[in-house]
Amino acid sequence: MRNQVIENLSIELKRGVQIIAVLTFLKEPQYGYSLLSILEKNDVNIESGTLYPLLRRLESQGLLTSSWDTNESRPRKFYVLNKEGIETLEELIEIWVSMQENMNRIILGGNKNE
């Protein structure tokens, strides 16, 4: 029971991190499988069944631009951050850094109520 709770909470924590990682690695054009490989090499574990819907959602939110490369034997859809995506990523990184600093303070025993 406890292990299942920890696993579920861990998944929730990872979701926000995954979005920031995906956006970060899309500063350069990537297709789904190449992005999946880069994320894996950087210890960001995300399933393809999670990544592809995330890419479609980020594109529909106006953060990514996509294009098809049909020069290879299999067509590949490439994604890259657009201007809105870059600005959003910069803001998310600021939020992440602030949250990380606050959580480090809390975890290490700093309490603003003392």
PDB file of N, CA and C in Angstrom:
ATOM      1  N   MET A   1       0.833  -1.205   0.000  1.00  0.00           N
ATOM      2  CA  MET A   1       0.000   0.000   0.000  1.00  0.00           C
ATOM      3  C   MET A   1       0.873   1.264   0.000  1.00  0.00           C
ATOM      4  N   ARG A   2       1.828   1.308   0.938  1.00  0.00           N
ATOM      5  CA  ARG A   2       2.684   2.486   1.052  1.00  0.00           C
ATOM      6  C   ARG A   2       3.494   2.696  -0.225  1.00  0.00           C
ATOM      7  N   ASN A   3       4.020   1.601  -0.790  1.00  0.00           N
ATOM      8  CA  ASN A   3       4.797   1.710  -2.025  1.00  0.00           C
ATOM      9  C   ASN A   3       3.957   2.271  -3.161  1.00  0.00           C
ATOM     10  N   GLN A   4       2.692   1.881  -3.222  1.00  0.00           N
ATOM     11  CA  GLN A   4       1.800   2.380  -4.270  1.00  0.00           C
ATOM     12  C   GLN A   4       1.552   3.875  -4.094  1.00  0.00           C
ATOM     13  N   VAL A   5       1.387   4.313  -2.866  1.00  0.00           N
ATOM     14  CA  VAL A   5       1.184   5.739  -2.581  1.00  0.00           C
ATOM     15  C   VAL A   5       2.417   6.527  -3.010  1.00  0.00           C
ATOM     16  N   ILE A   6       3.590   6.036  -2.641  1.00  0.00           N
ATOM     17  CA  ILE A   6       4.831   6.719  -3.018  1.00  0.00           C
ATOM     18  C   ILE A   6       4.978   6.755  -4.530  1.00  0.00           C
ATOM     19  N   GLU A   7       4.670   5.650  -5.191  1.00  0.00           N
ATOM     20  CA  GLU A   7       4.768   5.614  -6.653  1.00  0.00           C
ATOM     21  C   GLU A   7       3.826   6.637  -7.289  1.00  0.00           C
ATOM     22  N   ASN A   8       2.593   6.713  -6.809  1.00  0.00           N
ATOM     23  CA  ASN A   8       1.623   7.672  -7.354  1.00  0.00           C
ATOM     24  C   ASN A   8       2.058   9.114  -7.111  1.00  0.00           C
ATOM     25  N   LEU A   9       2.542   9.399  -5.919  1.00  0.00           N
ATOM     26  CA  LEU A   9       3.007  10.756  -5.614  1.00  0.00           C
ATOM     27  C   LEU A   9       4.243  11.104  -6.437  1.00  0.00           C
ATOM     28  N   SER A  10       5.107  10.139  -6.638  1.00  0.00           N
ATOM     29  CA  SER A  10       6.299  10.348  -7.455  1.00  0.00           C
ATOM     30  C   SER A  10       5.923  10.695  -8.891  1.00  0.00           C
ATOM     31  N   ILE A  11       4.926  10.023  -9.426  1.00  0.00           N
ATOM     32  CA  ILE A  11       4.452  10.306 -10.785  1.00  0.00           C
ATOM     33  C   ILE A  11       3.948  11.738 -10.874  1.00  0.00           C
ATOM     34  N   GLU A  12       3.205  12.182  -9.868  1.00  0.00           N
ATOM     35  CA  GLU A  12       2.698  13.559  -9.860  1.00  0.00           C
ATOM     36  C   GLU A  12       3.847  14.566  -9.849  1.00  0.00           C
ATOM     37  N   LEU A  13       4.865  14.308  -9.048  1.00  0.00           N
ATOM     38  CA  LEU A  13       6.015  15.213  -8.989  1.00  0.00           C
ATOM     39  C   LEU A  13       6.739  15.289 -10.325  1.00  0.00           C
ATOM     40  N   LYS A  14       6.859  14.156 -11.004  1.00  0.00           N
ATOM     41  CA  LYS A  14       7.612  14.095 -12.253  1.00  0.00           C
ATOM     42  C   LYS A  14       6.928  14.818 -13.403  1.00  0.00           C
ATOM     43  N   ARG A  15       5.609  14.937 -13.378  1.00  0.00           N
ATOM     44  CA  ARG A  15       4.892  15.522 -14.517  1.00  0.00           C
ATOM     45  C   ARG A  15       5.376  16.924 -14.863  1.00  0.00           C
ATOM     46  N   GLY A  16       5.476  17.788 -13.885  1.00  0.00           N
ATOM     47  CA  GLY A  16       5.930  19.154 -14.146  1.00  0.00           C
ATOM     48  C   GLY A  16       7.363  19.201 -14.627  1.00  0.00           C
ATOM     49  N   VAL A  17       8.188  18.336 -14.059  1.00  0.00           N
ATOM     50  CA  VAL A  17       9.591  18.264 -14.466  1.00  0.00           C
ATOM     51  C   VAL A  17       9.685  17.808 -15.915  1.00  0.00           C
ATOM     52  N   GLN A  18       8.858  16.858 -16.290  1.00  0.00           N
ATOM     53  CA  GLN A  18       8.874  16.351 -17.662  1.00  0.00           C
ATOM     54  C   GLN A  18       8.553  17.453 -18.661  1.00  0.00           C
ATOM     55  N   ILE A  19       7.587  18.289 -18.349  1.00  0.00           N
ATOM     56  CA  ILE A  19       7.207  19.369 -19.263  1.00  0.00           C
ATOM     57  C   ILE A  19       8.373  20.331 -19.459  1.00  0.00           C
ATOM     58  N   ILE A  20       9.023  20.718 -18.373  1.00  0.00           N
ATOM     59  CA  ILE A  20      10.165  21.627 -18.485  1.00  0.00           C
ATOM     60  C   ILE A  20      11.286  20.971 -19.290  1.00  0.00           C
ATOM     61  N   ALA A  21      11.542  19.699 -19.049  1.00  0.00           N
ATOM     62  CA  ALA A  21      12.598  18.993 -19.786  1.00  0.00           C
ATOM     63  C   ALA A  21      12.266  18.916 -21.270  1.00  0.00           C
ATOM     64  N   VAL A  22      11.027  18.565 -21.595  1.00  0.00           N
ATOM     65  CA  VAL A  22      10.615  18.473 -23.002  1.00  0.00           C
ATOM     66  C   VAL A  22      10.792  19.818 -23.685  1.00  0.00           C
ATOM     67  N   LEU A  23      10.303  20.874 -23.064  1.00  0.00           N
ATOM     68  CA  LEU A  23      10.438  22.202 -23.663  1.00  0.00           C
ATOM     69  C   LEU A  23      11.913  22.580 -23.827  1.00  0.00           C
ATOM     70  N   THR A  24      12.727  22.271 -22.841  1.00  0.00           N
ATOM     71  CA  THR A  24      14.151  22.602 -22.908  1.00  0.00           C
ATOM     72  C   THR A  24      14.829  21.923 -24.092  1.00  0.00           C
ATOM     73  N   PHE A  25      14.528  20.649 -24.297  1.00  0.00           N
ATOM     74  CA  PHE A  25      15.177  19.918 -25.386  1.00  0.00           C
ATOM     75  C   PHE A  25      14.565  20.224 -26.747  1.00  0.00           C
ATOM     76  N   LEU A  26      13.488  20.982 -26.768  1.00  0.00           N
ATOM     77  CA  LEU A  26      12.893  21.380 -28.047  1.00  0.00           C
ATOM     78  C   LEU A  26      13.344  22.770 -28.480  1.00  0.00           C
ATOM     79  N   LYS A  27      14.425  23.265 -27.902  1.00  0.00           N
ATOM     80  CA  LYS A  27      15.029  24.496 -28.422  1.00  0.00           C
ATOM     81  C   LYS A  27      15.574  24.229 -29.817  1.00  0.00           C
ATOM     82  N   GLU A  28      15.920  22.976 -30.059  1.00  0.00           N
ATOM     83  CA  GLU A  28      16.357  22.513 -31.378  1.00  0.00           C
ATOM     84  C   GLU A  28      15.303  21.540 -31.893  1.00  0.00           C
ATOM     85  N   PRO A  29      15.059  21.504 -33.201  1.00  0.00           N
ATOM     86  CA  PRO A  29      14.035  20.591 -33.735  1.00  0.00           C
ATOM     87  C   PRO A  29      14.338  19.125 -33.406  1.00  0.00           C
ATOM     88  N   GLN A  30      13.319  18.431 -32.966  1.00  0.00           N
ATOM     89  CA  GLN A  30      13.425  17.007 -32.639  1.00  0.00           C
ATOM     90  C   GLN A  30      12.157  16.308 -33.107  1.00  0.00           C
ATOM     91  N   TYR A  31      12.288  15.061 -33.501  1.00  0.00           N
ATOM     92  CA  TYR A  31      11.098  14.246 -33.733  1.00  0.00           C
ATOM     93  C   TYR A  31      10.894  13.392 -32.487  1.00  0.00           C
ATOM     94  N   GLY A  32       9.743  12.789 -32.373  1.00  0.00           N
ATOM     95  CA  GLY A  32       9.368  12.111 -31.136  1.00  0.00           C
ATOM     96  C   GLY A  32      10.392  11.138 -30.605  1.00  0.00           C
ATOM     97  N   TYR A  33      10.849  10.224 -31.456  1.00  0.00           N
ATOM     98  CA  TYR A  33      11.777   9.201 -30.979  1.00  0.00           C
ATOM     99  C   TYR A  33      13.118   9.809 -30.572  1.00  0.00           C
ATOM    100  N   SER A  34      13.605  10.790 -31.323  1.00  0.00           N
ATOM    101  CA  SER A  34      14.882  11.422 -30.956  1.00  0.00           C
ATOM    102  C   SER A  34      14.750  12.141 -29.616  1.00  0.00           C
ATOM    103  N   LEU A  35      13.613  12.782 -29.398  1.00  0.00           N
ATOM    104  CA  LEU A  35      13.370  13.467 -28.127  1.00  0.00           C
ATOM    105  C   LEU A  35      13.297  12.454 -26.989  1.00  0.00           C
ATOM    106  N   LEU A  36      12.618  11.347 -27.228  1.00  0.00           N
ATOM    107  CA  LEU A  36      12.521  10.287 -26.227  1.00  0.00           C
ATOM    108  C   LEU A  36      13.918   9.788 -25.836  1.00  0.00           C
ATOM    109  N   SER A  37      14.788   9.610 -26.816  1.00  0.00           N
ATOM    110  CA  SER A  37      16.163   9.152 -26.562  1.00  0.00           C
ATOM    111  C   SER A  37      16.951  10.176 -25.754  1.00  0.00           C
ATOM    112  N   ILE A  38      16.821  11.449 -26.115  1.00  0.00           N
ATOM    113  CA  ILE A  38      17.527  12.516 -25.387  1.00  0.00           C
ATOM    114  C   ILE A  38      17.048  12.575 -23.943  1.00  0.00           C
ATOM    115  N   LEU A  39      15.744  12.499 -23.751  1.00  0.00           N
ATOM    116  CA  LEU A  39      15.194  12.533 -22.396  1.00  0.00           C
ATOM    117  C   LEU A  39      15.723  11.356 -21.583  1.00  0.00           C
ATOM    118  N   GLU A  40      15.716  10.175 -22.178  1.00  0.00           N
ATOM    119  CA  GLU A  40      16.202   8.979 -21.490  1.00  0.00           C
ATOM    120  C   GLU A  40      17.672   9.128 -21.105  1.00  0.00           C
ATOM    121  N   LYS A  41      18.492   9.643 -22.021  1.00  0.00           N
ATOM    122  CA  LYS A  41      19.921   9.836 -21.740  1.00  0.00           C
ATOM    123  C   LYS A  41      20.137  10.837 -20.610  1.00  0.00           C
ATOM    124  N   ASN A  42      19.167  11.707 -20.390  1.00  0.00           N
ATOM    125  CA  ASN A  42      19.261  12.715 -19.336  1.00  0.00           C
ATOM    126  C   ASN A  42      18.434  12.339 -18.114  1.00  0.00           C
ATOM    127  N   ASP A  43      18.127  11.048 -17.999  1.00  0.00           N
ATOM    128  CA  ASP A  43      17.421  10.491 -16.837  1.00  0.00           C
ATOM    129  C   ASP A  43      16.037  11.081 -16.613  1.00  0.00           C
ATOM    130  N   VAL A  44      15.395  11.500 -17.694  1.00  0.00           N
ATOM    131  CA  VAL A  44      13.998  11.939 -17.619  1.00  0.00           C
ATOM    132  C   VAL A  44      13.179  10.797 -18.206  1.00  0.00           C
ATOM    133  N   ASN A  45      12.562  10.029 -17.325  1.00  0.00           N
ATOM    134  CA  ASN A  45      11.816   8.855 -17.765  1.00  0.00           C
ATOM    135  C   ASN A  45      10.398   9.251 -18.140  1.00  0.00           C
ATOM    136  N   ILE A  46      10.084   9.055 -19.409  1.00  0.00           N
ATOM    137  CA  ILE A  46       8.752   9.364 -19.911  1.00  0.00           C
ATOM    138  C   ILE A  46       8.419   8.318 -20.970  1.00  0.00           C
ATOM    139  N   GLU A  47       7.238   7.792 -20.894  1.00  0.00           N
ATOM    140  CA  GLU A  47       6.801   6.776 -21.849  1.00  0.00           C
ATOM    141  C   GLU A  47       6.375   7.448 -23.150  1.00  0.00           C
ATOM    142  N   SER A  48       6.530   6.734 -24.255  1.00  0.00           N
ATOM    143  CA  SER A  48       6.103   7.293 -25.545  1.00  0.00           C
ATOM    144  C   SER A  48       4.609   7.587 -25.535  1.00  0.00           C
ATOM    145  N   GLY A  49       3.839   6.778 -24.811  1.00  0.00           N
ATOM    146  CA  GLY A  49       2.400   7.009 -24.701  1.00  0.00           C
ATOM    147  C   GLY A  49       2.053   8.261 -23.917  1.00  0.00           C
ATOM    148  N   THR A  50       3.013   8.808 -23.206  1.00  0.00           N
ATOM    149  CA  THR A  50       2.845  10.078 -22.502  1.00  0.00           C
ATOM    150  C   THR A  50       3.423  11.215 -23.330  1.00  0.00           C
ATOM    151  N   LEU A  51       4.566  10.966 -23.974  1.00  0.00           N
ATOM    152  CA  LEU A  51       5.257  12.021 -24.712  1.00  0.00           C
ATOM    153  C   LEU A  51       4.453  12.525 -25.905  1.00  0.00           C
ATOM    154  N   TYR A  52       3.959  11.628 -26.732  1.00  0.00           N
ATOM    155  CA  TYR A  52       3.287  12.065 -27.960  1.00  0.00           C
ATOM    156  C   TYR A  52       2.027  12.892 -27.682  1.00  0.00           C
ATOM    157  N   PRO A  53       1.171  12.480 -26.740  1.00  0.00           N
ATOM    158  CA  PRO A  53       0.040  13.363 -26.407  1.00  0.00           C
ATOM    159  C   PRO A  53       0.494  14.705 -25.827  1.00  0.00           C
ATOM    160  N   LEU A  54       1.594  14.691 -25.058  1.00  0.00           N
ATOM    161  CA  LEU A  54       2.130  15.941 -24.508  1.00  0.00           C
ATOM    162  C   LEU A  54       2.585  16.860 -25.631  1.00  0.00           C
ATOM    163  N   LEU A  55       3.273  16.318 -26.627  1.00  0.00           N
ATOM    164  CA  LEU A  55       3.713  17.129 -27.766  1.00  0.00           C
ATOM    165  C   LEU A  55       2.517  17.739 -28.492  1.00  0.00           C
ATOM    166  N   ARG A  56       1.484  16.944 -28.715  1.00  0.00           N
ATOM    167  CA  ARG A  56       0.280  17.471 -29.389  1.00  0.00           C
ATOM    168  C   ARG A  56      -0.386  18.567 -28.558  1.00  0.00           C
ATOM    169  N   ARG A  57      -0.420  18.365 -27.242  1.00  0.00           N
ATOM    170  CA  ARG A  57      -1.037  19.366 -26.367  1.00  0.00           C
ATOM    171  C   ARG A  57      -0.228  20.663 -26.366  1.00  0.00           C
ATOM    172  N   LEU A  58       1.094  20.557 -26.266  1.00  0.00           N
ATOM    173  CA  LEU A  58       1.941  21.752 -26.274  1.00  0.00           C
ATOM    174  C   LEU A  58       1.830  22.491 -27.603  1.00  0.00           C
ATOM    175  N   GLU A  59       1.685  21.736 -28.685  1.00  0.00           N
ATOM    176  CA  GLU A  59       1.499  22.365 -29.994  1.00  0.00           C
ATOM    177  C   GLU A  59       0.149  23.074 -30.058  1.00  0.00           C
ATOM    178  N   SER A  60      -0.894  22.428 -29.553  1.00  0.00           N
ATOM    179  CA  SER A  60      -2.223  23.056 -29.591  1.00  0.00           C
ATOM    180  C   SER A  60      -2.297  24.272 -28.671  1.00  0.00           C
ATOM    181  N   GLN A  61      -1.435  24.318 -27.652  1.00  0.00           N
ATOM    182  CA  GLN A  61      -1.370  25.478 -26.762  1.00  0.00           C
ATOM    183  C   GLN A  61      -0.542  26.608 -27.366  1.00  0.00           C
ATOM    184  N   GLY A  62       0.005  26.379 -28.547  1.00  0.00           N
ATOM    185  CA  GLY A  62       0.742  27.425 -29.244  1.00  0.00           C
ATOM    186  C   GLY A  62       2.187  27.576 -28.828  1.00  0.00           C
ATOM    187  N   LEU A  63       2.755  26.543 -28.184  1.00  0.00           N
ATOM    188  CA  LEU A  63       4.136  26.638 -27.706  1.00  0.00           C
ATOM    189  C   LEU A  63       5.145  26.005 -28.657  1.00  0.00           C
ATOM    190  N   LEU A  64       4.661  25.126 -29.531  1.00  0.00           N
ATOM    191  CA  LEU A  64       5.531  24.415 -30.466  1.00  0.00           C
ATOM    192  C   LEU A  64       5.070  24.628 -31.891  1.00  0.00           C
ATOM    193  N   THR A  65       6.029  24.547 -32.792  1.00  0.00           N
ATOM    194  CA  THR A  65       5.745  24.524 -34.223  1.00  0.00           C
ATOM    195  C   THR A  65       6.207  23.162 -34.718  1.00  0.00           C
ATOM    196  N   SER A  66       5.428  22.570 -35.608  1.00  0.00           N
ATOM    197  CA  SER A  66       5.820  21.265 -36.133  1.00  0.00           C
ATOM    198  C   SER A  66       5.928  21.323 -37.649  1.00  0.00           C
ATOM    199  N   SER A  67       6.723  20.405 -38.179  1.00  0.00           N
ATOM    200  CA  SER A  67       6.857  20.275 -39.631  1.00  0.00           C
ATOM    201  C   SER A  67       7.218  18.830 -39.939  1.00  0.00           C
ATOM    202  N   TRP A  68       6.831  18.404 -41.122  1.00  0.00           N
ATOM    203  CA  TRP A  68       7.113  17.036 -41.546  1.00  0.00           C
ATOM    204  C   TRP A  68       8.369  17.002 -42.391  1.00  0.00           C
ATOM    205  N   ASP A  69       9.236  16.032 -42.116  1.00  0.00           N
ATOM    206  CA  ASP A  69      10.402  15.765 -42.958  1.00  0.00           C
ATOM    207  C   ASP A  69      10.115  14.464 -43.696  1.00  0.00           C
ATOM    208  N   THR A  70       9.956  14.570 -44.997  1.00  0.00           N
ATOM    209  CA  THR A  70       9.638  13.388 -45.803  1.00  0.00           C
ATOM    210  C   THR A  70      10.842  12.922 -46.612  1.00  0.00           C
ATOM    211  N   ASN A  71      12.024  13.422 -46.302  1.00  0.00           N
ATOM    212  CA  ASN A  71      13.234  13.041 -47.034  1.00  0.00           C
ATOM    213  C   ASN A  71      13.740  11.654 -46.651  1.00  0.00           C
ATOM    214  N   GLU A  72      13.421  11.209 -45.457  1.00  0.00           N
ATOM    215  CA  GLU A  72      13.857   9.887 -45.000  1.00  0.00           C
ATOM    216  C   GLU A  72      12.886   8.827 -45.506  1.00  0.00           C
ATOM    217  N   SER A  73      13.202   7.568 -45.248  1.00  0.00           N
ATOM    218  CA  SER A  73      12.325   6.481 -45.689  1.00  0.00           C
ATOM    219  C   SER A  73      10.961   6.560 -45.000  1.00  0.00           C
ATOM    220  N   ARG A  74      10.972   7.023 -43.750  1.00  0.00           N
ATOM    221  CA  ARG A  74       9.714   7.231 -43.022  1.00  0.00           C
ATOM    222  C   ARG A  74       9.556   8.714 -42.737  1.00  0.00           C
ATOM    223  N   PRO A  75       8.392   9.270 -43.021  1.00  0.00           N
ATOM    224  CA  PRO A  75       8.183  10.683 -42.672  1.00  0.00           C
ATOM    225  C   PRO A  75       8.281  10.873 -41.153  1.00  0.00           C
ATOM    226  N   ARG A  76       8.883  11.975 -40.763  1.00  0.00           N
ATOM    227  CA  ARG A  76       9.019  12.283 -39.339  1.00  0.00           C
ATOM    228  C   ARG A  76       8.471  13.672 -39.080  1.00  0.00           C
ATOM    229  N   LYS A  77       7.725  13.774 -37.993  1.00  0.00           N
ATOM    230  CA  LYS A  77       7.194  15.069 -37.587  1.00  0.00           C
ATOM    231  C   LYS A  77       8.163  15.674 -36.572  1.00  0.00           C
ATOM    232  N   PHE A  78       8.725  16.813 -36.931  1.00  0.00           N
ATOM    233  CA  PHE A  78       9.663  17.512 -36.062  1.00  0.00           C
ATOM    234  C   PHE A  78       8.933  18.607 -35.293  1.00  0.00           C
ATOM    235  N   TYR A  79       9.321  18.770 -34.045  1.00  0.00           N
ATOM    236  CA  TYR A  79       8.764  19.808 -33.180  1.00  0.00           C
ATOM    237  C   TYR A  79       9.895  20.719 -32.739  1.00  0.00           C
ATOM    238  N   VAL A  80       9.575  22.004 -32.580  1.00  0.00           N
ATOM    239  CA  VAL A  80      10.550  22.962 -32.069  1.00  0.00           C
ATOM    240  C   VAL A  80       9.789  24.067 -31.342  1.00  0.00           C
ATOM    241  N   LEU A  81      10.427  24.628 -30.321  1.00  0.00           N
ATOM    242  CA  LEU A  81       9.817  25.756 -29.610  1.00  0.00           C
ATOM    243  C   LEU A  81       9.666  26.938 -30.549  1.00  0.00           C
ATOM    244  N   ASN A  82       8.538  27.611 -30.459  1.00  0.00           N
ATOM    245  CA  ASN A  82       8.379  28.874 -31.171  1.00  0.00           C
ATOM    246  C   ASN A  82       8.610  30.002 -30.162  1.00  0.00           C
ATOM    247  N   LYS A  83       8.395  31.236 -30.581  1.00  0.00           N
ATOM    248  CA  LYS A  83       8.647  32.392 -29.707  1.00  0.00           C
ATOM    249  C   LYS A  83       7.855  32.288 -28.405  1.00  0.00           C
ATOM    250  N   GLU A  84       6.583  31.940 -28.512  1.00  0.00           N
ATOM    251  CA  GLU A  84       5.730  31.795 -27.324  1.00  0.00           C
ATOM    252  C   GLU A  84       6.259  30.681 -26.421  1.00  0.00           C
ATOM    253  N   GLY A  85       6.720  29.600 -27.028  1.00  0.00           N
ATOM    254  CA  GLY A  85       7.265  28.486 -26.265  1.00  0.00           C
ATOM    255  C   GLY A  85       8.535  28.857 -25.526  1.00  0.00           C
ATOM    256  N   ILE A  86       9.396  29.627 -26.182  1.00  0.00           N
ATOM    257  CA  ILE A  86      10.641  30.070 -25.545  1.00  0.00           C
ATOM    258  C   ILE A  86      10.329  30.958 -24.344  1.00  0.00           C
ATOM    259  N   GLU A  87       9.409  31.896 -24.525  1.00  0.00           N
ATOM    260  CA  GLU A  87       9.039  32.797 -23.425  1.00  0.00           C
ATOM    261  C   GLU A  87       8.403  32.018 -22.277  1.00  0.00           C
ATOM    262  N   THR A  88       7.562  31.054 -22.613  1.00  0.00           N
ATOM    263  CA  THR A  88       6.916  30.230 -21.592  1.00  0.00           C
ATOM    264  C   THR A  88       7.953  29.414 -20.833  1.00  0.00           C
ATOM    265  N   LEU A  89       8.892  28.814 -21.553  1.00  0.00           N
ATOM    266  CA  LEU A  89       9.948  28.032 -20.904  1.00  0.00           C
ATOM    267  C   LEU A  89      10.753  28.903 -19.953  1.00  0.00           C
ATOM    268  N   GLU A  90      11.107  30.097 -20.374  1.00  0.00           N
ATOM    269  CA  GLU A  90      11.877  30.997 -19.508  1.00  0.00           C
ATOM    270  C   GLU A  90      11.122  31.285 -18.217  1.00  0.00           C
ATOM    271  N   GLU A  91       9.810  31.520 -18.323  1.00  0.00           N
ATOM    272  CA  GLU A  91       9.000  31.775 -17.127  1.00  0.00           C
ATOM    273  C   GLU A  91       8.899  30.535 -16.253  1.00  0.00           C
ATOM    274  N   LEU A  92       8.721  29.365 -16.873  1.00  0.00           N
ATOM    275  CA  LEU A  92       8.636  28.122 -16.106  1.00  0.00           C
ATOM    276  C   LEU A  92       9.936  27.839 -15.368  1.00  0.00           C
ATOM    277  N   ILE A  93      11.058  28.146 -15.992  1.00  0.00           N
ATOM    278  CA  ILE A  93      12.350  27.938 -15.331  1.00  0.00           C
ATOM    279  C   ILE A  93      12.471  28.854 -14.117  1.00  0.00           C
ATOM    280  N   GLU A  94      12.039  30.100 -14.245  1.00  0.00           N
ATOM    281  CA  GLU A  94      12.060  31.018 -13.098  1.00  0.00           C
ATOM    282  C   GLU A  94      11.198  30.481 -11.966  1.00  0.00           C
ATOM    283  N   ILE A  95      10.007  29.996 -12.302  1.00  0.00           N
ATOM    284  CA  ILE A  95       9.108  29.424 -11.295  1.00  0.00           C
ATOM    285  C   ILE A  95       9.751  28.201 -10.659  1.00  0.00           C
ATOM    286  N   TRP A  96      10.341  27.334 -11.491  1.00  0.00           N
ATOM    287  CA  TRP A  96      10.986  26.120 -10.989  1.00  0.00           C
ATOM    288  C   TRP A  96      12.115  26.455 -10.013  1.00  0.00           C
ATOM    289  N   VAL A  97      12.971  27.400 -10.380  1.00  0.00           N
ATOM    290  CA  VAL A  97      14.100  27.769  -9.521  1.00  0.00           C
ATOM    291  C   VAL A  97      13.590  28.298  -8.182  1.00  0.00           C
ATOM    292  N   SER A  98      12.565  29.129  -8.217  1.00  0.00           N
ATOM    293  CA  SER A  98      11.991  29.669  -6.985  1.00  0.00           C
ATOM    294  C   SER A  98      11.395  28.555  -6.123  1.00  0.00           C
ATOM    295  N   MET A  99      10.654  27.652  -6.751  1.00  0.00           N
ATOM    296  CA  MET A  99      10.058  26.535  -6.011  1.00  0.00           C
ATOM    297  C   MET A  99      11.143  25.647  -5.411  1.00  0.00           C
ATOM    298  N   GLN A 100      12.187  25.406  -6.177  1.00  0.00           N
ATOM    299  CA  GLN A 100      13.277  24.561  -5.707  1.00  0.00           C
ATOM    300  C   GLN A 100      13.965  25.195  -4.494  1.00  0.00           C
ATOM    301  N   GLU A 101      14.208  26.491  -4.560  1.00  0.00           N
ATOM    302  CA  GLU A 101      14.828  27.189  -3.428  1.00  0.00           C
ATOM    303  C   GLU A 101      13.931  27.115  -2.198  1.00  0.00           C
ATOM    304  N   ASN A 102      12.634  27.347  -2.390  1.00  0.00           N
ATOM    305  CA  ASN A 102      11.698  27.285  -1.268  1.00  0.00           C
ATOM    306  C   ASN A 102      11.630  25.883  -0.670  1.00  0.00           C
ATOM    307  N   MET A 103      11.558  24.869  -1.516  1.00  0.00           N
ATOM    308  CA  MET A 103      11.472  23.499  -1.022  1.00  0.00           C
ATOM    309  C   MET A 103      12.759  23.088  -0.315  1.00  0.00           C
ATOM    310  N   ASN A 104      13.897  23.495  -0.840  1.00  0.00           N
ATOM    311  CA  ASN A 104      15.163  23.193  -0.165  1.00  0.00           C
ATOM    312  C   ASN A 104      15.186  23.814   1.224  1.00  0.00           C
ATOM    313  N   ARG A 105      14.723  25.051   1.330  1.00  0.00           N
ATOM    314  CA  ARG A 105      14.679  25.718   2.633  1.00  0.00           C
ATOM    315  C   ARG A 105      13.752  24.964   3.577  1.00  0.00           C
ATOM    316  N   ILE A 106      12.573  24.589   3.091  1.00  0.00           N
ATOM    317  CA  ILE A 106      11.599  23.882   3.932  1.00  0.00           C
ATOM    318  C   ILE A 106      12.144  22.523   4.360  1.00  0.00           C
ATOM    319  N   ILE A 107      12.663  21.765   3.411  1.00  0.00           N
ATOM    320  CA  ILE A 107      13.163  20.419   3.703  1.00  0.00           C
ATOM    321  C   ILE A 107      14.341  20.463   4.666  1.00  0.00           C
ATOM    322  N   LEU A 108      15.187  21.464   4.518  1.00  0.00           N
ATOM    323  CA  LEU A 108      16.369  21.568   5.371  1.00  0.00           C
ATOM    324  C   LEU A 108      16.074  22.246   6.704  1.00  0.00           C
ATOM    325  N   GLY A 109      14.797  22.533   6.973  1.00  0.00           N
ATOM    326  CA  GLY A 109      14.414  22.999   8.293  1.00  0.00           C
ATOM    327  C   GLY A 109      14.150  24.474   8.438  1.00  0.00           C
ATOM    328  N   GLY A 110      14.211  25.219   7.360  1.00  0.00           N
ATOM    329  CA  GLY A 110      13.900  26.641   7.454  1.00  0.00           C
ATOM    330  C   GLY A 110      12.398  26.837   7.540  1.00  0.00           C
ATOM    331  N   ASN A 111      11.949  27.633   8.501  1.00  0.00           N
ATOM    332  CA  ASN A 111      10.519  27.843   8.683  1.00  0.00           C
ATOM    333  C   ASN A 111      10.276  29.324   8.878  1.00  0.00           C
ATOM    334  N   LYS A 112       9.518  29.924   7.987  1.00  0.00           N
ATOM    335  CA  LYS A 112       9.260  31.363   8.078  1.00  0.00           C
ATOM    336  C   LYS A 112       8.371  31.717   9.264  1.00  0.00           C
ATOM    337  N   ASN A 113       7.718  30.725   9.880  1.00  0.00           N
ATOM    338  CA  ASN A 113       6.831  30.990  11.014  1.00  0.00           C
ATOM    339  C   ASN A 113       7.581  31.027  12.337  1.00  0.00           C
ATOM    340  N   GLU A 114       8.855  30.728  12.306  1.00  0.00           N
ATOM    341  CA  GLU A 114       9.617  30.718  13.569  1.00  0.00           C
ATOM    342  C   GLU A 114      10.093  32.097  13.920  1.00  0.00           C
TER     343      GLU A 114
END
